[in-house]
Amino acid sequence: MASRKEYLDFIMDQLSGLEDVSHRTMMGEYILYYRGKVIGGIYDDRFLVKPTKSARSLMPEAPLQLPYAGAKEMLLVDNVENREFLQDLLKAMYDELPTPKRH
């Protein structure tokens, strides 16, 4: 099942207080970037983020889920209604995320 554009638009609106949040469509799903780094994505209308130490600390009860078959597990963000929490989550995760490789 592909994610709905409406769900992407909702998450992007929730993150609109941050600068440089973007997305890229990939096989019916959406990869999300914060300041050039992959933070997670939207898969089957679920907002999943990389399981960094800070993400685990901010969401200790968050279950690990597979975005798609064969992928690494990611943390499910279920508090998507809380705009401030989502923005704080991305800011906390940023330094722990790998710098993208230059092609």
PDB file of N, CA and C in Angstrom:
ATOM      1  N   MET A   1       0.845  -1.179   0.000  1.00  0.00           N
ATOM      2  CA  MET A   1       0.000   0.000   0.000  1.00  0.00           C
ATOM      3  C   MET A   1       0.893   1.245   0.000  1.00  0.00           C
ATOM      4  N   ALA A   2       0.656   2.123  -0.919  1.00  0.00           N
ATOM      5  CA  ALA A   2       1.418   3.367  -0.983  1.00  0.00           C
ATOM      6  C   ALA A   2       0.829   4.384  -0.006  1.00  0.00           C
ATOM      7  N   SER A   3       1.662   5.303   0.416  1.00  0.00           N
ATOM      8  CA  SER A   3       1.211   6.361   1.324  1.00  0.00           C
ATOM      9  C   SER A   3       0.411   7.407   0.553  1.00  0.00           C
ATOM     10  N   ARG A   4      -0.516   8.018   1.255  1.00  0.00           N
ATOM     11  CA  ARG A   4      -1.345   9.066   0.652  1.00  0.00           C
ATOM     12  C   ARG A   4      -0.606  10.406   0.698  1.00  0.00           C
ATOM     13  N   LYS A   5      -0.739  11.175  -0.358  1.00  0.00           N
ATOM     14  CA  LYS A   5      -0.144  12.519  -0.423  1.00  0.00           C
ATOM     15  C   LYS A   5      -0.689  13.384   0.709  1.00  0.00           C
ATOM     16  N   GLU A   6      -1.940  13.182   1.095  1.00  0.00           N
ATOM     17  CA  GLU A   6      -2.542  13.962   2.177  1.00  0.00           C
ATOM     18  C   GLU A   6      -1.801  13.739   3.503  1.00  0.00           C
ATOM     19  N   TYR A   7      -1.371  12.499   3.750  1.00  0.00           N
ATOM     20  CA  TYR A   7      -0.628  12.228   4.981  1.00  0.00           C
ATOM     21  C   TYR A   7       0.741  12.908   4.929  1.00  0.00           C
ATOM     22  N   LEU A   8       1.410  12.830   3.784  1.00  0.00           N
ATOM     23  CA  LEU A   8       2.676  13.538   3.609  1.00  0.00           C
ATOM     24  C   LEU A   8       2.477  15.027   3.865  1.00  0.00           C
ATOM     25  N   ASP A   9       1.442  15.612   3.267  1.00  0.00           N
ATOM     26  CA  ASP A   9       1.186  17.045   3.437  1.00  0.00           C
ATOM     27  C   ASP A   9       0.959  17.389   4.905  1.00  0.00           C
ATOM     28  N   PHE A  10       0.255  16.513   5.632  1.00  0.00           N
ATOM     29  CA  PHE A  10       0.019  16.739   7.061  1.00  0.00           C
ATOM     30  C   PHE A  10       1.336  16.760   7.834  1.00  0.00           C
ATOM     31  N   ILE A  11       2.183  15.758   7.609  1.00  0.00           N
ATOM     32  CA  ILE A  11       3.470  15.682   8.322  1.00  0.00           C
ATOM     33  C   ILE A  11       4.350  16.872   7.945  1.00  0.00           C
ATOM     34  N   MET A  12       4.392  17.215   6.673  1.00  0.00           N
ATOM     35  CA  MET A  12       5.215  18.360   6.247  1.00  0.00           C
ATOM     36  C   MET A  12       4.698  19.654   6.879  1.00  0.00           C
ATOM     37  N   ASP A  13       3.393  19.790   7.031  1.00  0.00           N
ATOM     38  CA  ASP A  13       2.831  20.965   7.697  1.00  0.00           C
ATOM     39  C   ASP A  13       3.233  20.983   9.173  1.00  0.00           C
ATOM     40  N   GLN A  14       3.203  19.812   9.823  1.00  0.00           N
ATOM     41  CA  GLN A  14       3.602  19.722  11.228  1.00  0.00           C
ATOM     42  C   GLN A  14       5.068  20.127  11.411  1.00  0.00           C
ATOM     43  N   LEU A  15       5.881  19.895  10.399  1.00  0.00           N
ATOM     44  CA  LEU A  15       7.317  20.201  10.474  1.00  0.00           C
ATOM     45  C   LEU A  15       7.658  21.565   9.874  1.00  0.00           C
ATOM     46  N   SER A  16       6.652  22.327   9.498  1.00  0.00           N
ATOM     47  CA  SER A  16       6.874  23.579   8.764  1.00  0.00           C
ATOM     48  C   SER A  16       7.584  24.652   9.592  1.00  0.00           C
ATOM     49  N   GLY A  17       7.669  24.488  10.898  1.00  0.00           N
ATOM     50  CA  GLY A  17       8.391  25.445  11.727  1.00  0.00           C
ATOM     51  C   GLY A  17       9.898  25.285  11.644  1.00  0.00           C
ATOM     52  N   LEU A  18      10.355  24.203  11.025  1.00  0.00           N
ATOM     53  CA  LEU A  18      11.792  23.957  10.849  1.00  0.00           C
ATOM     54  C   LEU A  18      12.210  24.392   9.453  1.00  0.00           C
ATOM     55  N   GLU A  19      13.428  24.879   9.344  1.00  0.00           N
ATOM     56  CA  GLU A  19      13.955  25.207   8.024  1.00  0.00           C
ATOM     57  C   GLU A  19      14.564  23.971   7.394  1.00  0.00           C
ATOM     58  N   ASP A  20      14.465  23.894   6.082  1.00  0.00           N
ATOM     59  CA  ASP A  20      15.139  22.864   5.293  1.00  0.00           C
ATOM     60  C   ASP A  20      14.641  21.450   5.586  1.00  0.00           C
ATOM     61  N   VAL A  21      13.333  21.273   5.638  1.00  0.00           N
ATOM     62  CA  VAL A  21      12.737  19.936   5.670  1.00  0.00           C
ATOM     63  C   VAL A  21      12.215  19.677   4.261  1.00  0.00           C
ATOM     64  N   SER A  22      12.589  18.541   3.702  1.00  0.00           N
ATOM     65  CA  SER A  22      12.163  18.220   2.348  1.00  0.00           C
ATOM     66  C   SER A  22      11.832  16.736   2.252  1.00  0.00           C
ATOM     67  N   HIS A  23      11.318  16.351   1.095  1.00  0.00           N
ATOM     68  CA  HIS A  23      10.999  14.945   0.874  1.00  0.00           C
ATOM     69  C   HIS A  23      11.291  14.565  -0.566  1.00  0.00           C
ATOM     70  N   ARG A  24      11.405  13.274  -0.767  1.00  0.00           N
ATOM     71  CA  ARG A  24      11.597  12.725  -2.106  1.00  0.00           C
ATOM     72  C   ARG A  24      10.698  11.498  -2.221  1.00  0.00           C
ATOM     73  N   THR A  25      10.009  11.399  -3.327  1.00  0.00           N
ATOM     74  CA  THR A  25       9.138  10.252  -3.562  1.00  0.00           C
ATOM     75  C   THR A  25       9.981   9.065  -4.005  1.00  0.00           C
ATOM     76  N   MET A  26       9.679   7.899  -3.409  1.00  0.00           N
ATOM     77  CA  MET A  26      10.381   6.688  -3.799  1.00  0.00           C
ATOM     78  C   MET A  26       9.407   5.500  -3.740  1.00  0.00           C
ATOM     79  N   MET A  27       9.056   4.991  -4.886  1.00  0.00           N
ATOM     80  CA  MET A  27       8.183   3.822  -5.011  1.00  0.00           C
ATOM     81  C   MET A  27       6.884   3.963  -4.214  1.00  0.00           C
ATOM     82  N   GLY A  28       6.236   5.093  -4.331  1.00  0.00           N
ATOM     83  CA  GLY A  28       4.953   5.310  -3.668  1.00  0.00           C
ATOM     84  C   GLY A  28       5.046   5.706  -2.210  1.00  0.00           C
ATOM     85  N   GLU A  29       6.266   5.829  -1.722  1.00  0.00           N
ATOM     86  CA  GLU A  29       6.487   6.253  -0.340  1.00  0.00           C
ATOM     87  C   GLU A  29       7.311   7.532  -0.366  1.00  0.00           C
ATOM     88  N   TYR A  30       7.629   8.082   0.815  1.00  0.00           N
ATOM     89  CA  TYR A  30       8.319   9.369   0.872  1.00  0.00           C
ATOM     90  C   TYR A  30       9.488   9.306   1.848  1.00  0.00           C
ATOM     91  N   ILE A  31      10.669   9.673   1.373  1.00  0.00           N
ATOM     92  CA  ILE A  31      11.853   9.784   2.217  1.00  0.00           C
ATOM     93  C   ILE A  31      11.888  11.229   2.712  1.00  0.00           C
ATOM     94  N   LEU A  32      12.085  11.424   4.022  1.00  0.00           N
ATOM     95  CA  LEU A  32      12.123  12.776   4.584  1.00  0.00           C
ATOM     96  C   LEU A  32      13.547  13.157   4.961  1.00  0.00           C
ATOM     97  N   TYR A  33      13.880  14.400   4.679  1.00  0.00           N
ATOM     98  CA  TYR A  33      15.205  14.950   4.942  1.00  0.00           C
ATOM     99  C   TYR A  33      15.084  16.158   5.854  1.00  0.00           C
ATOM    100  N   TYR A  34      16.052  16.295   6.740  1.00  0.00           N
ATOM    101  CA  TYR A  34      16.163  17.499   7.565  1.00  0.00           C
ATOM    102  C   TYR A  34      17.582  18.019   7.400  1.00  0.00           C
ATOM    103  N   ARG A  35      17.690  19.219   6.864  1.00  0.00           N
ATOM    104  CA  ARG A  35      18.987  19.860   6.624  1.00  0.00           C
ATOM    105  C   ARG A  35      19.923  18.931   5.854  1.00  0.00           C
ATOM    106  N   GLY A  36      19.362  18.250   4.862  1.00  0.00           N
ATOM    107  CA  GLY A  36      20.148  17.413   3.961  1.00  0.00           C
ATOM    108  C   GLY A  36      20.387  15.992   4.413  1.00  0.00           C
ATOM    109  N   LYS A  37      19.969  15.644   5.631  1.00  0.00           N
ATOM    110  CA  LYS A  37      20.170  14.288   6.142  1.00  0.00           C
ATOM    111  C   LYS A  37      18.843  13.532   6.171  1.00  0.00           C
ATOM    112  N   VAL A  38      18.902  12.237   5.844  1.00  0.00           N
ATOM    113  CA  VAL A  38      17.701  11.402   5.905  1.00  0.00           C
ATOM    114  C   VAL A  38      17.338  11.178   7.368  1.00  0.00           C
ATOM    115  N   ILE A  39      16.115  11.558   7.741  1.00  0.00           N
ATOM    116  CA  ILE A  39      15.671  11.352   9.120  1.00  0.00           C
ATOM    117  C   ILE A  39      14.709  10.176   9.221  1.00  0.00           C
ATOM    118  N   GLY A  40      14.120   9.809   8.106  1.00  0.00           N
ATOM    119  CA  GLY A  40      13.139   8.729   8.096  1.00  0.00           C
ATOM    120  C   GLY A  40      12.272   8.856   6.866  1.00  0.00           C
ATOM    121  N   GLY A  41      11.003   8.502   7.048  1.00  0.00           N
ATOM    122  CA  GLY A  41      10.115   8.588   5.908  1.00  0.00           C
ATOM    123  C   GLY A  41       8.685   8.253   6.275  1.00  0.00           C
ATOM    124  N   ILE A  42       7.863   8.294   5.259  1.00  0.00           N
ATOM    125  CA  ILE A  42       6.462   7.927   5.402  1.00  0.00           C
ATOM    126  C   ILE A  42       6.259   6.664   4.582  1.00  0.00           C
ATOM    127  N   TYR A  43       5.851   5.619   5.270  1.00  0.00           N
ATOM    128  CA  TYR A  43       5.661   4.304   4.668  1.00  0.00           C
ATOM    129  C   TYR A  43       4.297   3.786   5.087  1.00  0.00           C
ATOM    130  N   ASP A  44       3.451   3.464   4.120  1.00  0.00           N
ATOM    131  CA  ASP A  44       2.094   2.984   4.425  1.00  0.00           C
ATOM    132  C   ASP A  44       1.391   3.915   5.414  1.00  0.00           C
ATOM    133  N   ASP A  45       1.502   5.207   5.180  1.00  0.00           N
ATOM    134  CA  ASP A  45       0.898   6.229   6.041  1.00  0.00           C
ATOM    135  C   ASP A  45       1.336   6.112   7.497  1.00  0.00           C
ATOM    136  N   ARG A  46       2.595   5.749   7.695  1.00  0.00           N
ATOM    137  CA  ARG A  46       3.214   5.739   9.020  1.00  0.00           C
ATOM    138  C   ARG A  46       4.457   6.611   8.939  1.00  0.00           C
ATOM    139  N   PHE A  47       4.657   7.466   9.938  1.00  0.00           N
ATOM    140  CA  PHE A  47       5.869   8.285  10.008  1.00  0.00           C
ATOM    141  C   PHE A  47       6.890   7.495  10.814  1.00  0.00           C
ATOM    142  N   LEU A  48       7.955   7.054  10.150  1.00  0.00           N
ATOM    143  CA  LEU A  48       9.011   6.271  10.777  1.00  0.00           C
ATOM    144  C   LEU A  48      10.310   7.070  10.734  1.00  0.00           C
ATOM    145  N   VAL A  49      11.073   7.009  11.831  1.00  0.00           N
ATOM    146  CA  VAL A  49      12.361   7.698  11.884  1.00  0.00           C
ATOM    147  C   VAL A  49      13.465   6.707  12.241  1.00  0.00           C
ATOM    148  N   LYS A  50      14.689   7.104  11.896  1.00  0.00           N
ATOM    149  CA  LYS A  50      15.841   6.263  12.229  1.00  0.00           C
ATOM    150  C   LYS A  50      15.948   6.129  13.749  1.00  0.00           C
ATOM    151  N   PRO A  51      16.312   4.960  14.232  1.00  0.00           N
ATOM    152  CA  PRO A  51      16.357   4.724  15.686  1.00  0.00           C
ATOM    153  C   PRO A  51      17.637   5.246  16.342  1.00  0.00           C
ATOM    154  N   THR A  52      17.812   6.560  16.321  1.00  0.00           N
ATOM    155  CA  THR A  52      18.977   7.169  16.962  1.00  0.00           C
ATOM    156  C   THR A  52      18.790   7.140  18.487  1.00  0.00           C
ATOM    157  N   LYS A  53      19.880   7.394  19.208  1.00  0.00           N
ATOM    158  CA  LYS A  53      19.785   7.432  20.673  1.00  0.00           C
ATOM    159  C   LYS A  53      18.788   8.479  21.142  1.00  0.00           C
ATOM    160  N   SER A  54      18.840   9.653  20.534  1.00  0.00           N
ATOM    161  CA  SER A  54      17.925  10.720  20.966  1.00  0.00           C
ATOM    162  C   SER A  54      16.473  10.376  20.636  1.00  0.00           C
ATOM    163  N   ALA A  55      16.225   9.756  19.486  1.00  0.00           N
ATOM    164  CA  ALA A  55      14.852   9.369  19.135  1.00  0.00           C
ATOM    165  C   ALA A  55      14.337   8.326  20.128  1.00  0.00           C
ATOM    166  N   ARG A  56      15.182   7.367  20.472  1.00  0.00           N
ATOM    167  CA  ARG A  56      14.778   6.344  21.458  1.00  0.00           C
ATOM    168  C   ARG A  56      14.521   6.985  22.827  1.00  0.00           C
ATOM    169  N   SER A  57      15.339   7.981  23.181  1.00  0.00           N
ATOM    170  CA  SER A  57      15.175   8.656  24.463  1.00  0.00           C
ATOM    171  C   SER A  57      13.865   9.441  24.514  1.00  0.00           C
ATOM    172  N   LEU A  58      13.532  10.121  23.416  1.00  0.00           N
ATOM    173  CA  LEU A  58      12.305  10.919  23.372  1.00  0.00           C
ATOM    174  C   LEU A  58      11.047  10.060  23.213  1.00  0.00           C
ATOM    175  N   MET A  59      11.217   8.855  22.664  1.00  0.00           N
ATOM    176  CA  MET A  59      10.076   7.954  22.442  1.00  0.00           C
ATOM    177  C   MET A  59      10.414   6.557  22.970  1.00  0.00           C
ATOM    178  N   PRO A  60      10.583   6.412  24.287  1.00  0.00           N
ATOM    179  CA  PRO A  60      11.034   5.124  24.831  1.00  0.00           C
ATOM    180  C   PRO A  60      10.066   3.965  24.580  1.00  0.00           C
ATOM    181  N   GLU A  61       8.809   4.257  24.371  1.00  0.00           N
ATOM    182  CA  GLU A  61       7.805   3.208  24.147  1.00  0.00           C
ATOM    183  C   GLU A  61       7.554   2.933  22.664  1.00  0.00           C
ATOM    184  N   ALA A  62       8.199   3.679  21.785  1.00  0.00           N
ATOM    185  CA  ALA A  62       7.941   3.549  20.347  1.00  0.00           C
ATOM    186  C   ALA A  62       8.374   2.182  19.836  1.00  0.00           C
ATOM    187  N   PRO A  63       7.483   1.511  19.114  1.00  0.00           N
ATOM    188  CA  PRO A  63       7.844   0.207  18.560  1.00  0.00           C
ATOM    189  C   PRO A  63       8.729   0.354  17.320  1.00  0.00           C
ATOM    190  N   LEU A  64       9.599  -0.631  17.120  1.00  0.00           N
ATOM    191  CA  LEU A  64      10.378  -0.716  15.891  1.00  0.00           C
ATOM    192  C   LEU A  64       9.514  -1.394  14.834  1.00  0.00           C
ATOM    193  N   GLN A  65       9.507  -0.836  13.637  1.00  0.00           N
ATOM    194  CA  GLN A  65       8.723  -1.406  12.543  1.00  0.00           C
ATOM    195  C   GLN A  65       9.549  -1.379  11.268  1.00  0.00           C
ATOM    196  N   LEU A  66       9.212  -2.288  10.369  1.00  0.00           N
ATOM    197  CA  LEU A  66       9.866  -2.325   9.072  1.00  0.00           C
ATOM    198  C   LEU A  66       9.145  -1.385   8.114  1.00  0.00           C
ATOM    199  N   PRO A  67       9.882  -0.478   7.467  1.00  0.00           N
ATOM    200  CA  PRO A  67       9.235   0.390   6.488  1.00  0.00           C
ATOM    201  C   PRO A  67       8.763  -0.412   5.265  1.00  0.00           C
ATOM    202  N   TYR A  68       9.550  -1.428   4.893  1.00  0.00           N
ATOM    203  CA  TYR A  68       9.213  -2.319   3.778  1.00  0.00           C
ATOM    204  C   TYR A  68      10.069  -3.574   3.939  1.00  0.00           C
ATOM    205  N   ALA A  69       9.714  -4.629   3.239  1.00  0.00           N
ATOM    206  CA  ALA A  69      10.421  -5.902   3.358  1.00  0.00           C
ATOM    207  C   ALA A  69      11.903  -5.728   3.031  1.00  0.00           C
ATOM    208  N   GLY A  70      12.756  -6.246   3.886  1.00  0.00           N
ATOM    209  CA  GLY A  70      14.192  -6.203   3.664  1.00  0.00           C
ATOM    210  C   GLY A  70      14.886  -4.951   4.180  1.00  0.00           C
ATOM    211  N   ALA A  71      14.122  -4.015   4.724  1.00  0.00           N
ATOM    212  CA  ALA A  71      14.707  -2.764   5.229  1.00  0.00           C
ATOM    213  C   ALA A  71      15.112  -2.916   6.689  1.00  0.00           C
ATOM    214  N   LYS A  72      15.887  -1.948   7.170  1.00  0.00           N
ATOM    215  CA  LYS A  72      16.222  -1.890   8.590  1.00  0.00           C
ATOM    216  C   LYS A  72      15.020  -1.346   9.352  1.00  0.00           C
ATOM    217  N   GLU A  73      14.871  -1.817  10.584  1.00  0.00           N
ATOM    218  CA  GLU A  73      13.761  -1.342  11.408  1.00  0.00           C
ATOM    219  C   GLU A  73      13.926   0.134  11.749  1.00  0.00           C
ATOM    220  N   MET A  74      12.775   0.787  11.878  1.00  0.00           N
ATOM    221  CA  MET A  74      12.746   2.197  12.233  1.00  0.00           C
ATOM    222  C   MET A  74      11.725   2.378  13.350  1.00  0.00           C
ATOM    223  N   LEU A  75      11.799   3.531  14.019  1.00  0.00           N
ATOM    224  CA  LEU A  75      10.870   3.824  15.113  1.00  0.00           C
ATOM    225  C   LEU A  75       9.586   4.447  14.576  1.00  0.00           C
ATOM    226  N   LEU A  76       8.459   3.947  15.056  1.00  0.00           N
ATOM    227  CA  LEU A  76       7.167   4.521  14.691  1.00  0.00           C
ATOM    228  C   LEU A  76       6.905   5.758  15.536  1.00  0.00           C
ATOM    229  N   VAL A  77       6.616   6.873  14.880  1.00  0.00           N
ATOM    230  CA  VAL A  77       6.266   8.109  15.576  1.00  0.00           C
ATOM    231  C   VAL A  77       4.745   8.157  15.637  1.00  0.00           C
ATOM    232  N   ASP A  78       4.196   7.993  16.831  1.00  0.00           N
ATOM    233  CA  ASP A  78       2.734   7.989  16.935  1.00  0.00           C
ATOM    234  C   ASP A  78       2.183   9.303  17.478  1.00  0.00           C
ATOM    235  N   ASN A  79       3.072  10.209  17.865  1.00  0.00           N
ATOM    236  CA  ASN A  79       2.655  11.488  18.424  1.00  0.00           C
ATOM    237  C   ASN A  79       2.679  12.571  17.334  1.00  0.00           C
ATOM    238  N   VAL A  80       2.137  12.246  16.154  1.00  0.00           N
ATOM    239  CA  VAL A  80       2.235  13.154  15.006  1.00  0.00           C
ATOM    240  C   VAL A  80       1.352  14.389  15.139  1.00  0.00           C
ATOM    241  N   GLU A  81       0.408  14.378  16.078  1.00  0.00           N
ATOM    242  CA  GLU A  81      -0.461  15.540  16.274  1.00  0.00           C
ATOM    243  C   GLU A  81       0.270  16.675  17.003  1.00  0.00           C
ATOM    244  N   ASN A  82       1.368  16.353  17.675  1.00  0.00           N
ATOM    245  CA  ASN A  82       2.108  17.328  18.485  1.00  0.00           C
ATOM    246  C   ASN A  82       3.235  17.939  17.653  1.00  0.00           C
ATOM    247  N   ARG A  83       2.951  19.088  17.064  1.00  0.00           N
ATOM    248  CA  ARG A  83       3.888  19.784  16.178  1.00  0.00           C
ATOM    249  C   ARG A  83       5.214  20.087  16.882  1.00  0.00           C
ATOM    250  N   GLU A  84       5.160  20.602  18.106  1.00  0.00           N
ATOM    251  CA  GLU A  84       6.377  20.956  18.840  1.00  0.00           C
ATOM    252  C   GLU A  84       7.239  19.724  19.100  1.00  0.00           C
ATOM    253  N   PHE A  85       6.601  18.605  19.478  1.00  0.00           N
ATOM    254  CA  PHE A  85       7.349  17.366  19.715  1.00  0.00           C
ATOM    255  C   PHE A  85       8.065  16.917  18.446  1.00  0.00           C
ATOM    256  N   LEU A  86       7.365  16.936  17.317  1.00  0.00           N
ATOM    257  CA  LEU A  86       7.975  16.480  16.060  1.00  0.00           C
ATOM    258  C   LEU A  86       9.189  17.336  15.697  1.00  0.00           C
ATOM    259  N   GLN A  87       9.058  18.632  15.865  1.00  0.00           N
ATOM    260  CA  GLN A  87      10.162  19.511  15.532  1.00  0.00           C
ATOM    261  C   GLN A  87      11.341  19.304  16.489  1.00  0.00           C
ATOM    262  N   ASP A  88      11.053  19.136  17.768  1.00  0.00           N
ATOM    263  CA  ASP A  88      12.112  18.856  18.742  1.00  0.00           C
ATOM    264  C   ASP A  88      12.790  17.521  18.443  1.00  0.00           C
ATOM    265  N   LEU A  89      12.011  16.542  17.999  1.00  0.00           N
ATOM    266  CA  LEU A  89      12.552  15.221  17.662  1.00  0.00           C
ATOM    267  C   LEU A  89      13.580  15.339  16.540  1.00  0.00           C
ATOM    268  N   LEU A  90      13.245  16.031  15.479  1.00  0.00           N
ATOM    269  CA  LEU A  90      14.173  16.176  14.358  1.00  0.00           C
ATOM    270  C   LEU A  90      15.427  16.927  14.767  1.00  0.00           C
ATOM    271  N   LYS A  91      15.258  17.991  15.545  1.00  0.00           N
ATOM    272  CA  LYS A  91      16.430  18.767  16.000  1.00  0.00           C
ATOM    273  C   LYS A  91      17.344  17.896  16.861  1.00  0.00           C
ATOM    274  N   ALA A  92      16.756  17.078  17.731  1.00  0.00           N
ATOM    275  CA  ALA A  92      17.556  16.213  18.607  1.00  0.00           C
ATOM    276  C   ALA A  92      18.294  15.147  17.810  1.00  0.00           C
ATOM    277  N   MET A  93      17.674  14.638  16.766  1.00  0.00           N
ATOM    278  CA  MET A  93      18.264  13.565  15.965  1.00  0.00           C
ATOM    279  C   MET A  93      19.377  14.039  15.048  1.00  0.00           C
ATOM    280  N   TYR A  94      19.354  15.280  14.645  1.00  0.00           N
ATOM    281  CA  TYR A  94      20.191  15.763  13.546  1.00  0.00           C
ATOM    282  C   TYR A  94      21.673  15.394  13.686  1.00  0.00           C
ATOM    283  N   ASP A  95      22.288  15.691  14.821  1.00  0.00           N
ATOM    284  CA  ASP A  95      23.727  15.451  14.973  1.00  0.00           C
ATOM    285  C   ASP A  95      24.092  13.968  14.953  1.00  0.00           C
ATOM    286  N   GLU A  96      23.129  13.101  15.221  1.00  0.00           N
ATOM    287  CA  GLU A  96      23.402  11.657  15.256  1.00  0.00           C
ATOM    288  C   GLU A  96      23.237  11.002  13.886  1.00  0.00           C
ATOM    289  N   LEU A  97      22.718  11.725  12.926  1.00  0.00           N
ATOM    290  CA  LEU A  97      22.479  11.161  11.607  1.00  0.00           C
ATOM    291  C   LEU A  97      23.733  11.262  10.746  1.00  0.00           C
ATOM    292  N   PRO A  98      23.957  10.259   9.897  1.00  0.00           N
ATOM    293  CA  PRO A  98      25.150  10.311   9.042  1.00  0.00           C
ATOM    294  C   PRO A  98      25.040  11.417   7.996  1.00  0.00           C
ATOM    295  N   THR A  99      26.178  11.984   7.674  1.00  0.00           N
ATOM    296  CA  THR A  99      26.240  12.973   6.601  1.00  0.00           C
ATOM    297  C   THR A  99      26.063  12.234   5.273  1.00  0.00           C
ATOM    298  N   PRO A 100      25.233  12.760   4.391  1.00  0.00           N
ATOM    299  CA  PRO A 100      25.016  12.079   3.114  1.00  0.00           C
ATOM    300  C   PRO A 100      26.305  11.964   2.307  1.00  0.00           C
ATOM    301  N   LYS A 101      26.429  10.865   1.585  1.00  0.00           N
ATOM    302  CA  LYS A 101      27.581  10.659   0.707  1.00  0.00           C
ATOM    303  C   LYS A 101      27.405  11.520  -0.542  1.00  0.00           C
ATOM    304  N   ARG A 102      28.476  12.109  -0.982  1.00  0.00           N
ATOM    305  CA  ARG A 102      28.448  12.913  -2.215  1.00  0.00           C
ATOM    306  C   ARG A 102      28.719  11.994  -3.406  1.00  0.00           C
ATOM    307  N   HIS A 103      27.902  12.124  -4.428  1.00  0.00           N
ATOM    308  CA  HIS A 103      28.073  11.269  -5.621  1.00  0.00           C
ATOM    309  C   HIS A 103      28.857  11.983  -6.685  1.00  0.00           C
TER     310      HIS A 103
END
